[in-house]
Amino acid sequence: MNGDVSHLFAETSIDDEVLYVGRAPELSAGSEYTIRIGYRDTSDESKFIRMYINITLE
C-alpha cells in the first residue's frame, strides 16, 4: 500500500457461519475496493478457500 488507510472490515461469526463486511461511515459512495479473504481447515490444511470480493460503496 502507499500509506492509505482503508476503513473496510470483514469478520466471521462462527456461531451463525456468516461473513460480515462493513465500512467506516466517512468513506465516499462510489468508491471501489477489492478484499481478499482466505479460510483454511484447521485439521486438514490442504482444504482451503480463497475469495476475492469486489465492493462498490453506495
N, C-alpha and C. Protein backbone atom coordinates (compact mmCIF):
# COMPACT_ATOMS: atom_id res chain seq x y z
N MET A 1 0.84 -1.19 0.00
CA MET A 1 0.00 0.00 0.00
C MET A 1 0.88 1.24 0.00
N ASN A 2 0.28 2.32 -0.33
CA ASN A 2 1.01 3.57 -0.42
C ASN A 2 0.80 4.47 0.79
N GLY A 3 0.40 3.89 1.92
CA GLY A 3 0.15 4.69 3.11
C GLY A 3 -1.30 5.02 3.34
N ASP A 4 -2.14 4.74 2.34
CA ASP A 4 -3.58 4.96 2.51
C ASP A 4 -4.12 3.98 3.53
N VAL A 5 -5.09 4.41 4.28
CA VAL A 5 -5.73 3.55 5.26
C VAL A 5 -7.16 3.29 4.81
N SER A 6 -7.49 2.02 4.63
CA SER A 6 -8.86 1.67 4.28
C SER A 6 -9.63 1.41 5.55
N HIS A 7 -10.88 1.71 5.52
CA HIS A 7 -11.72 1.51 6.69
C HIS A 7 -12.80 0.49 6.38
N LEU A 8 -12.40 -0.60 5.74
CA LEU A 8 -13.28 -1.73 5.49
C LEU A 8 -12.90 -2.83 6.46
N PHE A 9 -13.86 -3.65 6.80
CA PHE A 9 -13.52 -4.80 7.62
C PHE A 9 -14.35 -5.99 7.20
N ALA A 10 -13.81 -7.16 7.46
CA ALA A 10 -14.53 -8.41 7.24
C ALA A 10 -14.25 -9.29 8.44
N GLU A 11 -15.30 -9.85 9.00
CA GLU A 11 -15.14 -10.74 10.16
C GLU A 11 -16.12 -11.89 10.05
N THR A 12 -15.75 -12.98 10.65
CA THR A 12 -16.57 -14.19 10.61
C THR A 12 -17.20 -14.42 11.96
N SER A 13 -18.46 -14.81 11.93
CA SER A 13 -19.13 -15.25 13.14
C SER A 13 -19.30 -16.76 13.03
N ILE A 14 -18.55 -17.50 13.82
CA ILE A 14 -18.60 -18.96 13.76
C ILE A 14 -19.95 -19.47 14.25
N ASP A 15 -20.57 -18.77 15.17
CA ASP A 15 -21.86 -19.22 15.70
C ASP A 15 -22.93 -19.32 14.63
N ASP A 16 -23.00 -18.32 13.73
CA ASP A 16 -24.03 -18.37 12.70
C ASP A 16 -23.46 -18.55 11.29
N GLU A 17 -22.15 -18.84 11.18
CA GLU A 17 -21.48 -19.14 9.92
C GLU A 17 -21.72 -18.07 8.86
N VAL A 18 -21.50 -16.82 9.24
CA VAL A 18 -21.73 -15.68 8.36
C VAL A 18 -20.45 -14.86 8.26
N LEU A 19 -20.18 -14.32 7.08
CA LEU A 19 -19.09 -13.37 6.88
C LEU A 19 -19.71 -11.98 6.82
N TYR A 20 -19.31 -11.13 7.74
CA TYR A 20 -19.80 -9.75 7.78
C TYR A 20 -18.76 -8.83 7.15
N VAL A 21 -19.20 -7.95 6.27
CA VAL A 21 -18.33 -6.95 5.66
C VAL A 21 -18.93 -5.59 5.99
N GLY A 22 -18.10 -4.69 6.48
CA GLY A 22 -18.59 -3.37 6.85
C GLY A 22 -17.61 -2.30 6.44
N ARG A 23 -18.01 -1.05 6.66
CA ARG A 23 -17.16 0.08 6.29
C ARG A 23 -17.34 1.22 7.27
N ALA A 24 -16.37 2.09 7.30
CA ALA A 24 -16.45 3.29 8.11
C ALA A 24 -17.37 4.29 7.41
N PRO A 25 -18.14 5.07 8.16
CA PRO A 25 -19.11 6.00 7.56
C PRO A 25 -18.47 7.10 6.72
N GLU A 26 -17.20 7.43 6.94
CA GLU A 26 -16.61 8.55 6.19
C GLU A 26 -16.16 8.16 4.78
N LEU A 27 -16.26 6.90 4.39
CA LEU A 27 -15.90 6.51 3.03
C LEU A 27 -16.98 6.98 2.06
N SER A 28 -16.56 7.43 0.90
CA SER A 28 -17.47 8.04 -0.07
C SER A 28 -18.22 6.99 -0.89
N ALA A 29 -19.48 7.29 -1.16
CA ALA A 29 -20.26 6.45 -2.07
C ALA A 29 -19.59 6.45 -3.44
N GLY A 30 -19.61 5.30 -4.09
CA GLY A 30 -18.99 5.16 -5.40
C GLY A 30 -17.56 4.66 -5.33
N SER A 31 -16.94 4.68 -4.15
CA SER A 31 -15.58 4.16 -4.00
C SER A 31 -15.60 2.65 -4.25
N GLU A 32 -14.53 2.15 -4.89
CA GLU A 32 -14.45 0.73 -5.21
C GLU A 32 -13.24 0.11 -4.53
N TYR A 33 -13.43 -1.11 -4.03
CA TYR A 33 -12.39 -1.83 -3.32
C TYR A 33 -12.46 -3.31 -3.69
N THR A 34 -11.37 -4.00 -3.51
CA THR A 34 -11.35 -5.46 -3.60
C THR A 34 -10.74 -5.96 -2.30
N ILE A 35 -11.45 -6.89 -1.64
CA ILE A 35 -10.89 -7.51 -0.45
C ILE A 35 -10.64 -8.98 -0.75
N ARG A 36 -9.61 -9.53 -0.11
CA ARG A 36 -9.26 -10.94 -0.27
C ARG A 36 -9.36 -11.61 1.09
N ILE A 37 -10.06 -12.72 1.13
CA ILE A 37 -10.27 -13.45 2.38
C ILE A 37 -9.97 -14.91 2.14
N GLY A 38 -9.28 -15.52 3.08
CA GLY A 38 -9.00 -16.95 2.96
C GLY A 38 -9.35 -17.68 4.23
N TYR A 39 -9.82 -18.90 4.06
CA TYR A 39 -10.13 -19.79 5.19
C TYR A 39 -9.42 -21.11 4.95
N ARG A 40 -8.88 -21.70 6.02
CA ARG A 40 -8.21 -22.97 5.94
C ARG A 40 -8.76 -23.89 7.02
N ASP A 41 -8.96 -25.14 6.67
CA ASP A 41 -9.41 -26.15 7.63
C ASP A 41 -8.29 -26.38 8.65
N THR A 42 -8.59 -26.26 9.93
CA THR A 42 -7.55 -26.40 10.95
C THR A 42 -7.10 -27.84 11.14
N SER A 43 -7.90 -28.81 10.71
CA SER A 43 -7.49 -30.21 10.86
C SER A 43 -6.86 -30.77 9.58
N ASP A 44 -7.09 -30.14 8.44
CA ASP A 44 -6.51 -30.59 7.18
C ASP A 44 -6.16 -29.36 6.36
N GLU A 45 -4.91 -28.92 6.44
CA GLU A 45 -4.50 -27.67 5.81
C GLU A 45 -4.52 -27.72 4.28
N SER A 46 -4.75 -28.90 3.69
CA SER A 46 -4.86 -28.96 2.24
C SER A 46 -6.24 -28.48 1.78
N LYS A 47 -7.16 -28.31 2.72
CA LYS A 47 -8.50 -27.83 2.40
C LYS A 47 -8.59 -26.34 2.74
N PHE A 48 -8.83 -25.53 1.72
CA PHE A 48 -8.93 -24.09 1.95
C PHE A 48 -9.78 -23.46 0.86
N ILE A 49 -10.21 -22.25 1.13
CA ILE A 49 -10.95 -21.47 0.15
C ILE A 49 -10.44 -20.04 0.22
N ARG A 50 -10.32 -19.42 -0.93
CA ARG A 50 -9.90 -18.03 -1.01
C ARG A 50 -10.93 -17.29 -1.84
N MET A 51 -11.37 -16.15 -1.35
CA MET A 51 -12.39 -15.36 -2.04
C MET A 51 -11.86 -13.96 -2.32
N TYR A 52 -12.17 -13.47 -3.48
CA TYR A 52 -11.92 -12.08 -3.84
C TYR A 52 -13.28 -11.43 -3.98
N ILE A 53 -13.52 -10.36 -3.24
CA ILE A 53 -14.82 -9.71 -3.23
C ILE A 53 -14.63 -8.27 -3.72
N ASN A 54 -15.33 -7.94 -4.81
CA ASN A 54 -15.32 -6.56 -5.33
C ASN A 54 -16.45 -5.80 -4.66
N ILE A 55 -16.13 -4.61 -4.16
CA ILE A 55 -17.09 -3.81 -3.41
C ILE A 55 -17.19 -2.43 -4.04
N THR A 56 -18.41 -1.99 -4.29
CA THR A 56 -18.69 -0.60 -4.67
C THR A 56 -19.63 -0.04 -3.61
N LEU A 57 -19.21 1.01 -2.94
CA LEU A 57 -20.00 1.58 -1.84
C LEU A 57 -21.19 2.36 -2.39
N GLU A 58 -22.29 2.26 -1.67
CA GLU A 58 -23.49 3.01 -2.03
C GLU A 58 -23.66 4.21 -1.15
